[in-house]
Amino acid sequence: MKKLQVIILLLYTGCCSFAQPTAGTTGLLNCPSAEMPLDGTFTAGANYLPDNVTHQPKFNYNTFNYYVGMAFLPFMELSFKMIMFRNPDDGLLRNQDRSLALRVRVLKEKKLLPSVVIGGNDIYSTVSSGNRYFRSLYIAGTKTIYLRGHLAGISVGYAPGKLNDSTFSGLFGGISFSPAFFRSFTIIADYDTKYLDAGASLLLFRHFYLYGFVSDLKQFAGGIAFRLYPKGTRMEASFLSNPPSGAN
């Protein structure tokens, strides 16, 4: 495995992000984590994706996706994603593939215990002939570390791709860091079972996330997301939606 060299790519402008932008769900850059949005959080966004980000041989070209997501319960998140693919007649990106993602938290983070999430992408097709290009199952754990106001997160997980013939298969994980003096900026690096990714995210005006990263430390991917929080929430910009008990 290549040595992990964290590259600070972007200096946009405005808190720590906890969204996996490529899938439209909570996570790191191109792999899941066990963080969970607050109950009632709504997210909508769009991304530019180079060919190797999709992990799907049939999408061997640069493309785009857009999504909406909702945390319906304190322990559950649902996301609906559309990704553009080429029309076989003219090669233009004007066809769309639909996919549904579901994440369920089975263990909430405590002072000494990580949070644990079980999830899946492209979990359902409305027709028997549905392609489900991005089907996957995974389990992920995340532990947060508080260091004199700085916030760091460590996530690890496993995707049993052979169980459902998925291209997302094997060990994955990553780290994130938000400095105390610039909490709205987060540096992130992950390994998505195939490639090392490094990048950053930034929150603007409490609702707009900008993010970008290099996949395999070569190809750029990036996007924007808009997030609405439950009424009365005071920790919209926190690193974790539910800080572990006993955390300072």
C-alpha atoms as a PDB file:
ATOM      1  CA  MET A   1       0.000   0.000   0.000  1.00  0.00           C
ATOM      2  CA  LYS A   2       1.259   3.466  -0.758  1.00  0.00           C
ATOM      3  CA  LYS A   3       2.288   5.687   2.093  1.00  0.00           C
ATOM      4  CA  LEU A   4      -0.564   7.921   3.192  1.00  0.00           C
ATOM      5  CA  GLN A   5       0.434  11.503   2.481  1.00  0.00           C
ATOM      6  CA  VAL A   6      -2.295  13.890   3.528  1.00  0.00           C
ATOM      7  CA  ILE A   7      -2.567  16.725   1.051  1.00  0.00           C
ATOM      8  CA  ILE A   8      -4.408  19.886   2.029  1.00  0.00           C
ATOM      9  CA  LEU A   9      -6.080  20.710  -1.257  1.00  0.00           C
ATOM     10  CA  LEU A  10      -8.634  23.389  -0.769  1.00  0.00           C
ATOM     11  CA  LEU A  11      -8.997  26.641   1.079  1.00  0.00           C
ATOM     12  CA  TYR A  12     -12.581  27.581   0.251  1.00  0.00           C
ATOM     13  CA  THR A  13     -14.052  29.979   2.966  1.00  0.00           C
ATOM     14  CA  GLY A  14     -16.781  28.941   6.394  1.00  0.00           C
ATOM     15  CA  CYS A  15     -17.519  23.694  10.465  1.00  0.00           C
ATOM     16  CA  CYS A  16     -16.614  20.328  10.226  1.00  0.00           C
ATOM     17  CA  SER A  17     -18.324  18.351   7.557  1.00  0.00           C
ATOM     18  CA  PHE A  18     -19.512  14.834   8.133  1.00  0.00           C
ATOM     19  CA  ALA A  19     -20.843  13.957   4.702  1.00  0.00           C
ATOM     20  CA  GLN A  20     -19.612  11.353   2.251  1.00  0.00           C
ATOM     21  CA  PRO A  21     -20.243  13.531  -0.818  1.00  0.00           C
ATOM     22  CA  THR A  22     -19.798  10.875  -3.473  1.00  0.00           C
ATOM     23  CA  ALA A  23     -22.648   8.761  -2.062  1.00  0.00           C
ATOM     24  CA  GLY A  24     -24.827  11.500  -0.606  1.00  0.00           C
ATOM     25  CA  THR A  25     -24.640   9.987   2.889  1.00  0.00           C
ATOM     26  CA  THR A  26     -22.650  10.569   6.051  1.00  0.00           C
ATOM     27  CA  GLY A  27     -19.035   9.488   5.859  1.00  0.00           C
ATOM     28  CA  LEU A  28     -15.564  10.602   4.846  1.00  0.00           C
ATOM     29  CA  LEU A  29     -14.652  11.370   1.219  1.00  0.00           C
ATOM     30  CA  ASN A  30     -15.340   8.200  -0.734  1.00  0.00           C
ATOM     31  CA  CYS A  31     -16.051   5.703   2.037  1.00  0.00           C
ATOM     32  CA  PRO A  32     -18.554   5.460   4.911  1.00  0.00           C
ATOM     33  CA  SER A  33     -18.071   6.294   8.576  1.00  0.00           C
ATOM     34  CA  ALA A  34     -20.269   5.679  11.621  1.00  0.00           C
ATOM     35  CA  GLU A  35     -21.223   9.305  12.194  1.00  0.00           C
ATOM     36  CA  MET A  36     -24.946  10.058  12.045  1.00  0.00           C
ATOM     37  CA  PRO A  37     -26.785  13.345  11.379  1.00  0.00           C
ATOM     38  CA  LEU A  38     -29.243  14.689  13.921  1.00  0.00           C
ATOM     39  CA  ASP A  39     -32.791  13.425  13.597  1.00  0.00           C
ATOM     40  CA  GLY A  40     -34.582  15.615  11.057  1.00  0.00           C
ATOM     41  CA  THR A  41     -31.487  16.778   9.159  1.00  0.00           C
ATOM     42  CA  PHE A  42     -32.088  17.264   5.415  1.00  0.00           C
ATOM     43  CA  THR A  43     -29.275  17.310   2.851  1.00  0.00           C
ATOM     44  CA  ALA A  44     -29.178  17.967  -0.900  1.00  0.00           C
ATOM     45  CA  GLY A  45     -26.092  18.166  -3.079  1.00  0.00           C
ATOM     46  CA  ALA A  46     -24.305  17.540  -6.367  1.00  0.00           C
ATOM     47  CA  ASN A  47     -20.820  16.286  -7.302  1.00  0.00           C
ATOM     48  CA  TYR A  48     -18.321  16.007 -10.114  1.00  0.00           C
ATOM     49  CA  LEU A  49     -16.876  12.454 -10.134  1.00  0.00           C
ATOM     50  CA  PRO A  50     -13.826  11.231 -12.074  1.00  0.00           C
ATOM     51  CA  ASP A  51     -13.949   7.705 -13.440  1.00  0.00           C
ATOM     52  CA  ASN A  52     -12.160   5.867 -10.613  1.00  0.00           C
ATOM     53  CA  VAL A  53     -14.349   7.336  -7.849  1.00  0.00           C
ATOM     54  CA  THR A  54     -17.395   5.284  -8.855  1.00  0.00           C
ATOM     55  CA  HIS A  55     -15.664   1.881  -8.377  1.00  0.00           C
ATOM     56  CA  GLN A  56     -17.817   0.680 -11.257  1.00  0.00           C
ATOM     57  CA  PRO A  57     -16.156  -0.563 -14.500  1.00  0.00           C
ATOM     58  CA  LYS A  58     -19.209   0.390 -16.568  1.00  0.00           C
ATOM     59  CA  PHE A  59     -18.766   4.022 -15.465  1.00  0.00           C
ATOM     60  CA  ASN A  60     -15.219   4.321 -16.813  1.00  0.00           C
ATOM     61  CA  TYR A  61     -15.596   8.028 -17.590  1.00  0.00           C
ATOM     62  CA  ASN A  62     -16.037  11.281 -15.695  1.00  0.00           C
ATOM     63  CA  THR A  63     -19.597  11.966 -14.607  1.00  0.00           C
ATOM     64  CA  PHE A  64     -21.857  13.815 -12.163  1.00  0.00           C
ATOM     65  CA  ASN A  65     -24.398  12.905  -9.510  1.00  0.00           C
ATOM     66  CA  TYR A  66     -26.948  14.657  -7.333  1.00  0.00           C
ATOM     67  CA  TYR A  67     -28.842  13.508  -4.251  1.00  0.00           C
ATOM     68  CA  VAL A  68     -31.212  14.235  -1.394  1.00  0.00           C
ATOM     69  CA  GLY A  69     -30.992  12.676   2.047  1.00  0.00           C
ATOM     70  CA  MET A  70     -32.834  12.694   5.357  1.00  0.00           C
ATOM     71  CA  ALA A  71     -32.208  11.479   8.884  1.00  0.00           C
ATOM     72  CA  PHE A  72     -35.675  10.267   9.877  1.00  0.00           C
ATOM     73  CA  LEU A  73     -34.732   8.857  13.270  1.00  0.00           C
ATOM     74  CA  PRO A  74     -31.796   9.395  15.658  1.00  0.00           C
ATOM     75  CA  PHE A  75     -30.266   6.146  14.384  1.00  0.00           C
ATOM     76  CA  MET A  76     -31.278   6.026  10.690  1.00  0.00           C
ATOM     77  CA  GLU A  77     -30.357   7.882   7.500  1.00  0.00           C
ATOM     78  CA  LEU A  78     -31.842   7.492   4.013  1.00  0.00           C
ATOM     79  CA  SER A  79     -30.502   8.933   0.761  1.00  0.00           C
ATOM     80  CA  PHE A  80     -31.698   8.939  -2.863  1.00  0.00           C
ATOM     81  CA  LYS A  81     -29.023   9.477  -5.515  1.00  0.00           C
ATOM     82  CA  MET A  82     -29.033   9.983  -9.283  1.00  0.00           C
ATOM     83  CA  ILE A  83     -25.853   9.523 -11.319  1.00  0.00           C
ATOM     84  CA  MET A  84     -25.524  10.527 -14.962  1.00  0.00           C
ATOM     85  CA  PHE A  85     -24.400   7.951 -17.504  1.00  0.00           C
ATOM     86  CA  ARG A  86     -23.772   8.057 -21.214  1.00  0.00           C
ATOM     87  CA  ASN A  87     -26.413   7.514 -23.813  1.00  0.00           C
ATOM     88  CA  PRO A  88     -25.153   4.586 -25.941  1.00  0.00           C
ATOM     89  CA  ASP A  89     -26.256   6.319 -29.150  1.00  0.00           C
ATOM     90  CA  ASP A  90     -24.415   9.628 -28.845  1.00  0.00           C
ATOM     91  CA  GLY A  91     -22.198   9.263 -25.781  1.00  0.00           C
ATOM     92  CA  LEU A  92     -23.749  12.241 -23.985  1.00  0.00           C
ATOM     93  CA  LEU A  93     -24.427  12.250 -20.235  1.00  0.00           C
ATOM     94  CA  ARG A  94     -28.195  12.409 -20.438  1.00  0.00           C
ATOM     95  CA  ASN A  95     -29.312   9.106 -18.902  1.00  0.00           C
ATOM     96  CA  GLN A  96     -29.597   8.580 -15.144  1.00  0.00           C
ATOM     97  CA  ASP A  97     -29.162   5.663 -12.760  1.00  0.00           C
ATOM     98  CA  ARG A  98     -31.171   5.784  -9.525  1.00  0.00           C
ATOM     99  CA  SER A  99     -29.993   4.309  -6.240  1.00  0.00           C
ATOM    100  CA  LEU A 100     -31.190   4.259  -2.644  1.00  0.00           C
ATOM    101  CA  ALA A 101     -28.893   4.155   0.403  1.00  0.00           C
ATOM    102  CA  LEU A 102     -29.765   3.244   3.989  1.00  0.00           C
ATOM    103  CA  ARG A 103     -27.636   3.538   7.144  1.00  0.00           C
ATOM    104  CA  VAL A 104     -28.580   2.318  10.628  1.00  0.00           C
ATOM    105  CA  ARG A 105     -26.569   3.053  13.758  1.00  0.00           C
ATOM    106  CA  VAL A 106     -26.411  -0.011  16.016  1.00  0.00           C
ATOM    107  CA  LEU A 107     -24.101   1.479  18.647  1.00  0.00           C
ATOM    108  CA  LYS A 108     -23.924   5.106  19.757  1.00  0.00           C
ATOM    109  CA  GLU A 109     -20.511   6.495  20.596  1.00  0.00           C
ATOM    110  CA  LYS A 110     -19.617   6.587  24.296  1.00  0.00           C
ATOM    111  CA  LYS A 111     -16.584   7.836  26.142  1.00  0.00           C
ATOM    112  CA  LEU A 112     -14.631   4.631  25.536  1.00  0.00           C
ATOM    113  CA  LEU A 113     -16.659   3.021  22.756  1.00  0.00           C
ATOM    114  CA  PRO A 114     -16.901   3.941  19.069  1.00  0.00           C
ATOM    115  CA  SER A 115     -20.141   4.410  17.205  1.00  0.00           C
ATOM    116  CA  VAL A 116     -21.030   1.581  14.805  1.00  0.00           C
ATOM    117  CA  VAL A 117     -23.176   1.758  11.672  1.00  0.00           C
ATOM    118  CA  ILE A 118     -24.438  -0.906   9.277  1.00  0.00           C
ATOM    119  CA  GLY A 119     -25.421   0.337   5.837  1.00  0.00           C
ATOM    120  CA  GLY A 120     -25.888  -0.322   2.173  1.00  0.00           C
ATOM    121  CA  ASN A 121     -26.061   1.474  -1.160  1.00  0.00           C
ATOM    122  CA  ASP A 122     -28.320   0.711  -4.104  1.00  0.00           C
ATOM    123  CA  ILE A 123     -30.320  -1.540  -1.792  1.00  0.00           C
ATOM    124  CA  TYR A 124     -33.518  -1.733  -3.836  1.00  0.00           C
ATOM    125  CA  SER A 125     -34.684  -1.787  -7.438  1.00  0.00           C
ATOM    126  CA  THR A 126     -38.243  -1.087  -8.582  1.00  0.00           C
ATOM    127  CA  VAL A 127     -37.912  -3.602 -11.413  1.00  0.00           C
ATOM    128  CA  SER A 128     -36.533  -7.136 -11.498  1.00  0.00           C
ATOM    129  CA  SER A 129     -34.139  -6.163 -14.291  1.00  0.00           C
ATOM    130  CA  GLY A 130     -32.660  -3.252 -12.305  1.00  0.00           C
ATOM    131  CA  ASN A 131     -28.891  -2.966 -12.708  1.00  0.00           C
ATOM    132  CA  ARG A 132     -27.985  -1.860  -9.154  1.00  0.00           C
ATOM    133  CA  TYR A 133     -24.521  -0.811 -10.329  1.00  0.00           C
ATOM    134  CA  PHE A 134     -23.552   0.598  -6.928  1.00  0.00           C
ATOM    135  CA  ARG A 135     -24.896  -2.096  -4.610  1.00  0.00           C
ATOM    136  CA  SER A 136     -22.867  -2.527  -1.448  1.00  0.00           C
ATOM    137  CA  LEU A 137     -23.094  -3.612   2.180  1.00  0.00           C
ATOM    138  CA  TYR A 138     -20.760  -2.485   4.932  1.00  0.00           C
ATOM    139  CA  ILE A 139     -20.158  -2.051   8.639  1.00  0.00           C
ATOM    140  CA  ALA A 140     -18.205   0.958   9.933  1.00  0.00           C
ATOM    141  CA  GLY A 141     -16.982   2.240  13.273  1.00  0.00           C
ATOM    142  CA  THR A 142     -15.886   5.763  14.240  1.00  0.00           C
ATOM    143  CA  LYS A 143     -14.171   7.157  17.335  1.00  0.00           C
ATOM    144  CA  THR A 144     -13.773  10.851  18.050  1.00  0.00           C
ATOM    145  CA  ILE A 145     -10.763  12.313  19.840  1.00  0.00           C
ATOM    146  CA  TYR A 146     -10.867  15.732  21.527  1.00  0.00           C
ATOM    147  CA  LEU A 147      -7.455  17.424  21.809  1.00  0.00           C
ATOM    148  CA  ARG A 148      -7.482  20.852  23.465  1.00  0.00           C
ATOM    149  CA  GLY A 149     -10.332  22.051  21.305  1.00  0.00           C
ATOM    150  CA  HIS A 150      -9.171  20.282  18.161  1.00  0.00           C
ATOM    151  CA  LEU A 151     -11.418  17.510  16.868  1.00  0.00           C
ATOM    152  CA  ALA A 152     -10.146  14.350  15.200  1.00  0.00           C
ATOM    153  CA  GLY A 153     -12.008  11.304  13.961  1.00  0.00           C
ATOM    154  CA  ILE A 154     -10.789   7.809  13.132  1.00  0.00           C
ATOM    155  CA  SER A 155     -13.011   5.473  11.101  1.00  0.00           C
ATOM    156  CA  VAL A 156     -12.541   1.866   9.976  1.00  0.00           C
ATOM    157  CA  GLY A 157     -14.899  -0.536   8.248  1.00  0.00           C
ATOM    158  CA  TYR A 158     -15.382  -3.580   6.082  1.00  0.00           C
ATOM    159  CA  ALA A 159     -17.486  -4.231   3.001  1.00  0.00           C
ATOM    160  CA  PRO A 160     -18.198  -7.922   2.255  1.00  0.00           C
ATOM    161  CA  GLY A 161     -18.444  -7.366  -1.484  1.00  0.00           C
ATOM    162  CA  LYS A 162     -18.479 -11.069  -2.360  1.00  0.00           C
ATOM    163  CA  LEU A 163     -21.832 -11.478  -0.612  1.00  0.00           C
ATOM    164  CA  ASN A 164     -23.639  -9.290  -3.148  1.00  0.00           C
ATOM    165  CA  ASP A 165     -21.179  -9.171  -6.058  1.00  0.00           C
ATOM    166  CA  SER A 166     -20.199  -5.597  -5.254  1.00  0.00           C
ATOM    167  CA  THR A 167     -17.209  -3.636  -6.537  1.00  0.00           C
ATOM    168  CA  PHE A 168     -16.998  -1.954  -3.119  1.00  0.00           C
ATOM    169  CA  SER A 169     -15.280  -4.757  -1.250  1.00  0.00           C
ATOM    170  CA  GLY A 170     -12.689  -5.041   1.492  1.00  0.00           C
ATOM    171  CA  LEU A 171     -11.286  -2.919   4.292  1.00  0.00           C
ATOM    172  CA  PHE A 172     -11.705   0.853   4.274  1.00  0.00           C
ATOM    173  CA  GLY A 173     -11.113   3.699   6.682  1.00  0.00           C
ATOM    174  CA  GLY A 174      -9.799   7.170   7.205  1.00  0.00           C
ATOM    175  CA  ILE A 175      -9.134  10.146   9.429  1.00  0.00           C
ATOM    176  CA  SER A 176     -10.472  13.675   9.736  1.00  0.00           C
ATOM    177  CA  PHE A 177      -9.216  16.709  11.609  1.00  0.00           C
ATOM    178  CA  SER A 178     -10.714  20.095  12.408  1.00  0.00           C
ATOM    179  CA  PRO A 179      -8.513  22.691  14.153  1.00  0.00           C
ATOM    180  CA  ALA A 180      -9.881  24.647  17.102  1.00  0.00           C
ATOM    181  CA  PHE A 181      -8.964  27.959  15.472  1.00  0.00           C
ATOM    182  CA  PHE A 182     -10.871  27.161  12.243  1.00  0.00           C
ATOM    183  CA  ARG A 183     -13.607  24.719  13.172  1.00  0.00           C
ATOM    184  CA  SER A 184     -15.462  25.222   9.898  1.00  0.00           C
ATOM    185  CA  PHE A 185     -12.561  23.641   7.977  1.00  0.00           C
ATOM    186  CA  THR A 186     -11.946  19.875   7.986  1.00  0.00           C
ATOM    187  CA  ILE A 187      -9.006  17.977   6.527  1.00  0.00           C
ATOM    188  CA  ILE A 188      -9.887  14.420   5.493  1.00  0.00           C
ATOM    189  CA  ALA A 189      -8.014  11.406   4.161  1.00  0.00           C
ATOM    190  CA  ASP A 190      -9.379   7.926   3.488  1.00  0.00           C
ATOM    191  CA  TYR A 191      -8.741   4.589   1.834  1.00  0.00           C
ATOM    192  CA  ASP A 192     -11.861   3.485  -0.083  1.00  0.00           C
ATOM    193  CA  THR A 193     -10.881  -0.207  -0.585  1.00  0.00           C
ATOM    194  CA  LYS A 194      -9.016   0.710  -3.786  1.00  0.00           C
ATOM    195  CA  TYR A 195      -7.499   4.172  -3.627  1.00  0.00           C
ATOM    196  CA  LEU A 196      -6.097   6.706  -1.204  1.00  0.00           C
ATOM    197  CA  ASP A 197      -8.080   9.948  -1.183  1.00  0.00           C
ATOM    198  CA  ALA A 198      -7.143  13.260   0.425  1.00  0.00           C
ATOM    199  CA  GLY A 199      -9.044  16.507   0.593  1.00  0.00           C
ATOM    200  CA  ALA A 200     -10.960  19.009   2.674  1.00  0.00           C
ATOM    201  CA  SER A 201     -14.414  20.402   3.362  1.00  0.00           C
ATOM    202  CA  LEU A 202     -15.699  23.772   4.476  1.00  0.00           C
ATOM    203  CA  LEU A 203     -18.996  25.002   5.852  1.00  0.00           C
ATOM    204  CA  LEU A 204     -20.281  28.399   4.717  1.00  0.00           C
ATOM    205  CA  PHE A 205     -23.107  30.313   6.440  1.00  0.00           C
ATOM    206  CA  ARG A 206     -23.945  27.226   8.578  1.00  0.00           C
ATOM    207  CA  HIS A 207     -25.730  25.474   5.685  1.00  0.00           C
ATOM    208  CA  PHE A 208     -23.519  25.244   2.592  1.00  0.00           C
ATOM    209  CA  TYR A 209     -20.749  22.662   2.368  1.00  0.00           C
ATOM    210  CA  LEU A 210     -17.973  22.853  -0.201  1.00  0.00           C
ATOM    211  CA  TYR A 211     -15.631  19.927  -0.563  1.00  0.00           C
ATOM    212  CA  GLY A 212     -12.994  18.548  -2.852  1.00  0.00           C
ATOM    213  CA  PHE A 213     -10.418  15.782  -2.911  1.00  0.00           C
ATOM    214  CA  VAL A 214      -8.016  13.885  -5.113  1.00  0.00           C
ATOM    215  CA  SER A 215      -8.807  10.232  -5.688  1.00  0.00           C
ATOM    216  CA  ASP A 216      -5.746   7.975  -5.837  1.00  0.00           C
ATOM    217  CA  LEU A 217      -3.910  11.266  -5.196  1.00  0.00           C
ATOM    218  CA  LYS A 218      -4.366  11.960  -8.918  1.00  0.00           C
ATOM    219  CA  GLN A 219      -7.940  12.716 -10.024  1.00  0.00           C
ATOM    220  CA  PHE A 220      -9.933  15.640  -8.656  1.00  0.00           C
ATOM    221  CA  ALA A 221     -13.507  15.240  -7.373  1.00  0.00           C
ATOM    222  CA  GLY A 222     -15.632  17.871  -5.704  1.00  0.00           C
ATOM    223  CA  GLY A 223     -19.089  19.169  -4.982  1.00  0.00           C
ATOM    224  CA  ILE A 224     -21.459  21.286  -2.963  1.00  0.00           C
ATOM    225  CA  ALA A 225     -24.219  20.402  -0.503  1.00  0.00           C
ATOM    226  CA  PHE A 226     -26.972  22.256   1.325  1.00  0.00           C
ATOM    227  CA  ARG A 227     -28.033  21.103   4.788  1.00  0.00           C
ATOM    228  CA  LEU A 228     -31.038  22.002   6.950  1.00  0.00           C
ATOM    229  CA  TYR A 229     -31.014  21.120  10.639  1.00  0.00           C
ATOM    230  CA  PRO A 230     -33.759  20.420  13.172  1.00  0.00           C
ATOM    231  CA  LYS A 231     -35.311  23.559  14.621  1.00  0.00           C
ATOM    232  CA  GLY A 232     -33.551  24.783  17.723  1.00  0.00           C
ATOM    233  CA  THR A 233     -30.342  22.837  17.056  1.00  0.00           C
ATOM    234  CA  ARG A 234     -27.330  24.540  18.591  1.00  0.00           C
ATOM    235  CA  MET A 235     -24.641  22.237  17.200  1.00  0.00           C
ATOM    236  CA  GLU A 236     -25.284  22.538  13.468  1.00  0.00           C
ATOM    237  CA  ALA A 237     -21.558  22.933  12.870  1.00  0.00           C
ATOM    238  CA  SER A 238     -20.273  20.296  15.248  1.00  0.00           C
ATOM    239  CA  PHE A 239     -17.983  17.504  14.167  1.00  0.00           C
ATOM    240  CA  LEU A 240     -20.371  14.925  15.600  1.00  0.00           C
ATOM    241  CA  SER A 241     -24.151  15.078  15.578  1.00  0.00           C
ATOM    242  CA  ASN A 242     -24.179  13.370  18.985  1.00  0.00           C
ATOM    243  CA  PRO A 243     -20.988  13.963  21.013  1.00  0.00           C
ATOM    244  CA  PRO A 244     -20.004  10.984  23.158  1.00  0.00           C
ATOM    245  CA  SER A 245     -20.986  11.170  26.790  1.00  0.00           C
ATOM    246  CA  GLY A 246     -18.175  12.386  28.978  1.00  0.00           C
ATOM    247  CA  ALA A 247     -16.550  14.385  26.157  1.00  0.00           C
ATOM    248  CA  ASN A 248     -15.244  17.801  27.071  1.00  0.00           C
END
